[in-house]
Protein backbone atom coordinates (compact mmCIF):
# COMPACT_ATOMS: atom_id res chain seq x y z
CA MET A 1 -22.14 -17.04 76.59
CA GLU A 2 -22.92 -18.23 73.07
CA GLN A 3 -24.33 -14.80 72.25
CA ASN A 4 -21.12 -13.10 73.39
CA LYS A 5 -19.08 -15.50 71.24
CA SER A 6 -21.26 -14.82 68.20
CA GLU A 7 -20.93 -11.09 68.65
CA ALA A 8 -17.16 -11.44 69.03
CA ASP A 9 -16.94 -13.47 65.82
CA LYS A 10 -19.01 -10.88 63.99
CA TYR A 11 -16.77 -8.11 65.29
CA GLU A 12 -13.62 -9.90 64.12
CA LYS A 13 -15.14 -10.51 60.66
CA GLU A 14 -16.11 -6.87 60.27
CA ARG A 15 -12.56 -5.84 61.20
CA ALA A 16 -11.07 -8.23 58.67
CA GLU A 17 -13.64 -7.49 55.93
CA PRO A 18 -15.11 -4.01 56.30
CA GLU A 19 -18.64 -3.62 55.05
CA GLY A 20 -18.79 -2.41 51.44
CA THR A 21 -15.47 -3.92 50.40
CA ASP A 22 -15.45 -4.51 46.58
CA PHE A 23 -13.51 -7.71 46.00
CA SER A 24 -13.52 -7.04 42.23
CA GLN A 25 -10.87 -4.39 42.91
CA LYS A 26 -8.46 -7.18 43.77
CA GLU A 27 -9.02 -8.74 40.35
CA LYS A 28 -8.51 -5.56 38.26
CA PRO A 29 -4.66 -5.59 38.13
CA GLY A 30 -4.80 -9.17 36.83
CA LYS A 31 -7.37 -8.24 34.19
CA ARG A 32 -5.28 -5.26 33.11
CA ARG A 33 -2.22 -7.47 32.68
CA LYS A 34 -4.25 -9.96 30.64
CA ILE A 35 -5.62 -7.23 28.34
CA LEU A 36 -2.16 -5.69 27.95
CA LYS A 37 -0.71 -9.09 27.07
CA GLU A 38 -3.39 -9.63 24.40
CA VAL A 39 -2.76 -6.18 22.92
CA LEU A 40 0.99 -6.82 22.78
CA ASN A 41 0.47 -10.25 21.20
CA ASN A 42 -1.81 -8.75 18.54
CA ALA A 43 0.68 -5.95 17.87
CA VAL A 44 3.49 -8.49 17.40
CA MET A 45 1.35 -10.55 15.00
CA ILE A 46 0.51 -7.43 12.97
CA LEU A 47 4.19 -6.44 12.77
CA ILE A 48 5.15 -9.96 11.67
CA ALA A 49 2.43 -9.94 8.99
CA LEU A 50 3.60 -6.54 7.73
CA GLY A 51 7.18 -7.76 7.66
CA ILE A 52 6.25 -10.85 5.65
CA GLY A 53 4.17 -8.72 3.29
CA LEU A 54 7.05 -6.30 2.71
CA PHE A 55 9.48 -9.18 2.17
CA LEU A 56 7.20 -10.87 -0.36
CA ASN A 57 6.57 -7.58 -2.19
CA LYS A 58 10.28 -6.76 -2.39
CA TYR A 59 11.73 -10.17 -3.18
CA VAL A 60 9.00 -12.56 -4.35
CA VAL A 61 5.83 -10.99 -5.78
CA ALA A 62 5.12 -7.43 -6.89
CA ASN A 63 1.61 -6.03 -7.06
CA ALA A 64 1.01 -3.45 -9.79
CA GLN A 65 -1.75 -1.62 -11.62
CA VAL A 66 -1.47 -1.13 -15.39
CA PRO A 67 -1.92 2.59 -16.17
CA THR A 68 -2.19 2.52 -19.98
CA GLY A 69 -3.66 0.47 -22.82
CA SER A 70 -0.32 -0.30 -24.50
CA MET A 71 -0.74 -4.04 -23.85
CA GLU A 72 -4.41 -4.32 -24.85
CA THR A 73 -6.12 -6.62 -25.42
CA THR A 74 -3.83 -8.94 -23.44
CA VAL A 75 -3.69 -6.67 -20.42
CA MET A 76 -6.26 -3.91 -20.10
CA ALA A 77 -5.73 -0.43 -18.68
CA GLY A 78 -6.61 -0.50 -14.98
CA ASP A 79 -5.91 -4.23 -14.56
CA ARG A 80 -4.21 -5.21 -11.32
CA ILE A 81 -1.49 -7.81 -11.86
CA LEU A 82 0.95 -9.94 -9.88
CA VAL A 83 4.56 -10.02 -11.03
CA ASN A 84 6.80 -12.98 -10.16
CA ARG A 85 10.16 -11.52 -9.11
CA LEU A 86 11.76 -14.98 -9.01
CA SER A 87 11.00 -15.92 -12.63
CA TYR A 88 14.53 -15.37 -13.86
CA VAL A 89 16.54 -16.48 -10.85
CA PHE A 90 17.27 -19.82 -12.50
CA GLY A 91 16.40 -19.10 -16.14
CA GLU A 92 16.64 -16.52 -18.88
CA PRO A 93 13.78 -14.37 -20.22
CA LYS A 94 12.13 -15.75 -23.33
CA ARG A 95 10.53 -14.13 -26.34
CA GLY A 96 6.88 -13.54 -25.59
CA ASP A 97 7.30 -13.08 -21.83
CA ILE A 98 5.30 -10.16 -20.44
CA VAL A 99 7.61 -8.36 -18.03
CA THR A 100 7.76 -5.38 -15.74
CA PHE A 101 10.96 -3.36 -15.99
CA ILE A 102 12.54 0.03 -15.37
CA TYR A 103 12.06 2.38 -18.33
CA PRO A 104 15.59 2.93 -19.71
CA ASP A 105 15.07 6.57 -20.70
CA ASP A 106 14.47 7.80 -17.14
CA GLY A 107 15.75 4.96 -14.97
CA LYS A 108 12.78 4.99 -12.57
CA THR A 109 9.35 4.53 -14.19
CA LEU A 110 8.00 0.96 -14.28
CA TYR A 111 6.74 -0.29 -17.65
CA LEU A 112 4.92 -3.45 -18.74
CA LYS A 113 5.71 -4.84 -22.20
CA ARG A 114 6.39 -8.06 -24.05
CA ILE A 115 9.90 -9.27 -24.86
CA MET A 116 10.29 -9.41 -28.64
CA GLY A 117 14.03 -9.24 -29.34
CA LEU A 118 16.59 -11.41 -27.48
CA PRO A 119 20.30 -10.71 -26.89
CA GLY A 120 22.34 -10.85 -30.10
CA GLU A 121 19.31 -10.85 -32.42
CA THR A 122 18.53 -8.30 -35.10
CA ILE A 123 14.90 -7.22 -35.06
CA SER A 124 12.96 -5.15 -37.58
CA GLY A 125 9.42 -4.52 -38.75
CA LYS A 126 8.18 -4.05 -42.29
CA ASN A 127 4.65 -3.97 -43.67
CA GLY A 128 3.26 -5.18 -40.37
CA VAL A 129 5.57 -8.20 -40.15
CA ILE A 130 8.19 -8.62 -37.38
CA TYR A 131 11.52 -9.99 -38.57
CA ILE A 132 14.09 -11.72 -36.36
CA ASN A 133 17.49 -12.05 -38.07
CA ASP A 134 15.75 -11.34 -41.39
CA GLU A 135 13.28 -14.20 -40.85
CA PRO A 136 9.57 -13.43 -40.30
CA LEU A 137 8.41 -14.16 -36.79
CA GLU A 138 6.28 -17.29 -37.11
CA GLU A 139 4.27 -16.85 -33.92
CA ASP A 140 3.36 -13.28 -33.12
CA PHE A 141 1.50 -12.44 -29.92
CA THR A 142 -1.16 -10.08 -31.16
CA GLN A 143 -3.63 -9.77 -34.01
CA GLU A 144 -2.87 -6.07 -34.41
CA ILE A 145 -0.69 -5.15 -37.38
CA SER A 146 1.83 -2.37 -36.92
CA GLU A 147 1.36 0.54 -39.28
CA GLU A 148 4.97 1.72 -38.96
CA ASP A 149 8.18 0.09 -40.12
CA PHE A 150 11.15 0.08 -37.74
CA GLY A 151 14.73 -1.13 -37.46
CA PRO A 152 16.76 -3.05 -38.05
CA TYR A 153 18.15 -2.94 -34.48
CA THR A 154 20.71 -5.39 -33.10
CA VAL A 155 20.03 -6.22 -29.47
CA PRO A 156 23.16 -6.02 -27.26
CA GLU A 157 24.15 -8.94 -25.05
CA GLY A 158 22.35 -8.91 -21.73
CA SER A 159 19.55 -6.71 -23.11
CA TYR A 160 16.07 -7.07 -24.62
CA PHE A 161 13.85 -5.32 -27.17
CA MET A 162 10.33 -4.63 -25.85
CA MET A 163 7.03 -4.07 -27.64
CA GLY A 164 3.43 -3.61 -26.53
CA ASP A 165 0.67 -5.83 -27.93
CA ASN A 166 -1.30 -2.71 -28.83
CA ARG A 167 1.22 -2.12 -31.60
CA ASN A 168 -0.18 1.17 -32.90
CA ASP A 169 -0.58 2.72 -29.45
CA SER A 170 2.45 1.62 -27.47
CA TRP A 171 5.45 3.66 -26.39
CA ASP A 172 8.11 0.95 -26.56
CA SER A 173 11.62 0.09 -27.77
CA ARG A 174 10.81 1.28 -31.29
CA TYR A 175 10.60 4.88 -30.08
CA TRP A 176 12.84 5.12 -27.01
CA GLU A 177 16.15 6.96 -27.02
CA HIS A 178 17.73 4.00 -25.19
CA LYS A 179 16.08 1.19 -27.08
CA PHE A 180 17.05 -1.84 -25.02
CA VAL A 181 16.24 -3.00 -21.49
CA LYS A 182 19.09 -4.52 -19.53
CA MET A 183 18.58 -7.79 -17.72
CA GLU A 184 19.21 -6.17 -14.32
CA ASP A 185 16.38 -3.68 -14.96
CA ILE A 186 13.76 -6.40 -15.41
CA ILE A 187 11.69 -6.65 -12.21
CA GLY A 188 9.95 -9.92 -13.07
CA LYS A 189 7.47 -11.75 -15.24
CA ALA A 190 3.80 -10.76 -15.14
CA ALA A 191 1.98 -13.91 -14.10
CA VAL A 192 -1.64 -13.14 -13.28
CA SER A 193 -4.20 -10.41 -13.78
CA TYR A 194 -6.50 -10.70 -10.76
CA PHE A 195 -8.83 -7.68 -11.05
CA PRO A 196 -11.09 -6.75 -12.75
CA HIS A 197 -10.30 -9.31 -15.48
CA PRO A 198 -8.94 -12.43 -13.72
CA ARG A 199 -6.75 -14.61 -15.95
CA ILE A 200 -3.29 -16.08 -16.38
CA LEU A 201 -1.14 -13.85 -18.60
CA LYS A 202 0.41 -15.38 -21.71
């Protein structure tokens, strides 16, 4: 009697759980959902990071590489710099600021120069000396002496006169057709050179 019962139990178990059944198959849909969820989460995080990066690049910090030696030895050709786009949200540009701006003669190329002439000032150069309103500039920003005289030029309101620190090898306001950079064309103030010559720009 016990033998018959045992055989019956075995028969019922085999019917319910056929030999060779792979119970891992039951787990696969759950694993797939878990993997898919992780992939979607990672994709969302990547998109958020890209969005933040684009926002920062457009409205807060610009990353640029200097193509020429016009600002040597302050900024070297090939230096990678960070430009603070918010520098002039609550203040005006000052003489000596190194700024990135849109080149006024073509309206699209980005340049890096130093602000030398402020709105309303008359700027000129003679015998290697920069004059502001006929007074010699007391604190210049480079040891290089310009070999060419220029000016006098009166800077319009809302505009700035730009010069490179590499005075004898800089295409700047002295030679442009449109000599002044408007405030709205200034992208921001160059703050840091981070590669290959790390330093704060002054």
